[in-house]
C-alpha atoms as a PDB file:
ATOM      1  CA  MET A   1      90.634 104.327 108.537  1.00  0.00           C
ATOM      2  CA  MET A   2      89.851 103.424 104.913  1.00  0.00           C
ATOM      3  CA  LYS A   3      92.341 104.085 102.154  1.00  0.00           C
ATOM      4  CA  LYS A   4      91.347 105.336  98.740  1.00  0.00           C
ATOM      5  CA  LYS A   5      91.859 102.778  95.975  1.00  0.00           C
ATOM      6  CA  ASN A   6      94.485 104.947  94.288  1.00  0.00           C
ATOM      7  CA  GLU A   7      96.343 105.726  97.495  1.00  0.00           C
ATOM      8  CA  LYS A   8      99.539 103.725  97.865  1.00  0.00           C
ATOM      9  CA  ASN A   9     100.488 102.573 101.308  1.00  0.00           C
ATOM     10  CA  PHE A  10     103.810 103.393 102.895  1.00  0.00           C
ATOM     11  CA  GLU A  11     105.424 100.098 101.938  1.00  0.00           C
ATOM     12  CA  ASP A  12     104.438 100.471  98.285  1.00  0.00           C
ATOM     13  CA  LYS A  13     105.841 103.997  98.216  1.00  0.00           C
ATOM     14  CA  LEU A  14     109.093 102.838  99.780  1.00  0.00           C
ATOM     15  CA  LYS A  15     109.417  99.988  97.262  1.00  0.00           C
ATOM     16  CA  ARG A  16     108.860 102.444  94.416  1.00  0.00           C
ATOM     17  CA  LEU A  17     111.514 104.760  95.866  1.00  0.00           C
ATOM     18  CA  GLU A  18     113.955 101.848  95.990  1.00  0.00           C
ATOM     19  CA  LYS A  19     113.125 100.964  92.374  1.00  0.00           C
ATOM     20  CA  ILE A  20     113.654 104.571  91.271  1.00  0.00           C
ATOM     21  CA  SER A  21     116.984 104.670  93.078  1.00  0.00           C
ATOM     22  CA  ASP A  22     118.029 101.409  91.436  1.00  0.00           C
ATOM     23  CA  ILE A  23     117.035 102.669  87.977  1.00  0.00           C
ATOM     24  CA  LEU A  24     118.908 105.953  88.425  1.00  0.00           C
ATOM     25  CA  GLU A  25     122.021 104.211  89.762  1.00  0.00           C
ATOM     26  CA  ASN A  26     122.214 101.185  87.492  1.00  0.00           C
ATOM     27  CA  GLU A  27     120.382 101.835  84.245  1.00  0.00           C
ATOM     28  CA  GLU A  28     121.042 104.201  81.431  1.00  0.00           C
ATOM     29  CA  VAL A  29     118.123 106.570  81.130  1.00  0.00           C
ATOM     30  CA  SER A  30     117.727 109.787  79.229  1.00  0.00           C
ATOM     31  CA  MET A  31     118.119 113.059  81.059  1.00  0.00           C
ATOM     32  CA  ASN A  32     114.377 113.732  80.715  1.00  0.00           C
ATOM     33  CA  GLU A  33     113.509 110.300  82.125  1.00  0.00           C
ATOM     34  CA  ALA A  34     116.015 110.785  84.961  1.00  0.00           C
ATOM     35  CA  ILE A  35     114.417 114.130  85.823  1.00  0.00           C
ATOM     36  CA  LYS A  36     110.929 112.591  85.811  1.00  0.00           C
ATOM     37  CA  LEU A  37     112.091 109.734  88.032  1.00  0.00           C
ATOM     38  CA  PHE A  38     113.865 112.135  90.368  1.00  0.00           C
ATOM     39  CA  GLU A  39     110.718 114.274  90.625  1.00  0.00           C
ATOM     40  CA  GLU A  40     108.641 111.203  91.409  1.00  0.00           C
ATOM     41  CA  GLY A  41     111.192 110.147  94.006  1.00  0.00           C
ATOM     42  CA  VAL A  42     111.126 113.533  95.726  1.00  0.00           C
ATOM     43  CA  SER A  43     107.336 113.453  95.823  1.00  0.00           C
ATOM     44  CA  LEU A  44     107.274 109.914  97.227  1.00  0.00           C
ATOM     45  CA  SER A  45     109.938 110.846  99.754  1.00  0.00           C
ATOM     46  CA  LYS A  46     107.818 113.739 101.028  1.00  0.00           C
ATOM     47  CA  GLU A  47     104.772 111.467 101.284  1.00  0.00           C
ATOM     48  CA  CYS A  48     106.786 108.852 103.204  1.00  0.00           C
ATOM     49  CA  MET A  49     108.112 111.483 105.597  1.00  0.00           C
ATOM     50  CA  LEU A  50     104.573 112.724 106.206  1.00  0.00           C
ATOM     51  CA  SER A  51     103.438 109.163 106.919  1.00  0.00           C
ATOM     52  CA  LEU A  52     106.340 108.631 109.318  1.00  0.00           C
ATOM     53  CA  ASN A  53     105.615 111.914 111.099  1.00  0.00           C
ATOM     54  CA  GLN A  54     101.947 110.953 111.470  1.00  0.00           C
ATOM     55  CA  ALA A  55     102.912 107.529 112.811  1.00  0.00           C
ATOM     56  CA  GLU A  56     105.312 109.125 115.298  1.00  0.00           C
ATOM     57  CA  LEU A  57     102.588 111.501 116.478  1.00  0.00           C
ATOM     58  CA  LYS A  58     100.131 108.618 116.893  1.00  0.00           C
ATOM     59  CA  ILE A  59     102.677 106.608 118.893  1.00  0.00           C
ATOM     60  CA  THR A  60     103.393 109.617 121.110  1.00  0.00           C
ATOM     61  CA  GLU A  61      99.661 110.108 121.728  1.00  0.00           C
ATOM     62  CA  LEU A  62      99.212 106.421 122.575  1.00  0.00           C
ATOM     63  CA  LYS A  63     102.169 106.473 124.959  1.00  0.00           C
ATOM     64  CA  GLU A  64     100.753 109.541 126.712  1.00  0.00           C
ATOM     65  CA  LYS A  65      97.337 107.874 127.058  1.00  0.00           C
ATOM     66  CA  PHE A  66      98.962 104.717 128.417  1.00  0.00           C
ATOM     67  CA  GLU A  67     100.982 106.700 130.947  1.00  0.00           C
ATOM     68  CA  GLU A  68      97.859 108.600 131.997  1.00  0.00           C
ATOM     69  CA  ILE A  69      95.909 105.365 132.486  1.00  0.00           C
ATOM     70  CA  ASN A  70      98.835 103.763 134.279  1.00  0.00           C
ATOM     71  CA  ASN A  71      99.190 106.751 136.625  1.00  0.00           C
ATOM     72  CA  LYS A  72      95.450 106.718 137.393  1.00  0.00           C
ATOM     73  CA  GLU A  73      95.581 103.004 138.175  1.00  0.00           C
ATOM     74  CA  LYS A  74      98.629 103.512 140.394  1.00  0.00           C
ATOM     75  CA  THR A  75      96.914 106.391 142.225  1.00  0.00           C
ATOM     76  CA  HIS A  76      93.767 104.299 142.615  1.00  0.00           C
ATOM     77  CA  LEU A  77      95.741 101.363 144.032  1.00  0.00           C
ATOM     78  CA  ASP A  78      97.696 103.674 146.345  1.00  0.00           C
ATOM     79  CA  GLU A  79      94.423 105.068 147.728  1.00  0.00           C
ATOM     80  CA  PHE A  80      93.152 101.558 148.499  1.00  0.00           C
ATOM     81  CA  SER A  81      96.467 100.674 150.060  1.00  0.00           C
ATOM     82  CA  GLU A  82      96.375 103.756 152.320  1.00  0.00           C
ATOM     83  CA  ASP A  83      92.849 102.868 153.475  1.00  0.00           C
ATOM     84  CA  GLY A  84      94.005  99.407 154.386  1.00  0.00           C
ATOM     85  CA  GLU A  85      91.468  97.778 152.104  1.00  0.00           C
ATOM     86  CA  ILE A  86      93.988  96.069 149.835  1.00  0.00           C
ATOM     87  CA  ASP A  87      97.298  94.627 150.927  1.00  0.00           C
END
């Protein structure tokens, strides 16, 4: 899946969130700047959560496919074993 040039990846978003947190905790910024940074942080946080949820869904789907394939293989091997063709 291709990313748009302007689209930040998860790691970049997380780094930016860490930077925002560091700025808000350790630097003196105006109230307006703090609000802007906080807004950006909330937006990035939502995007990161969406990415994590999508990754979790993908992993769940892959696990289900693996289990399905594994069960089919096991059933297939059990059928051969019952016929006495494979021991």
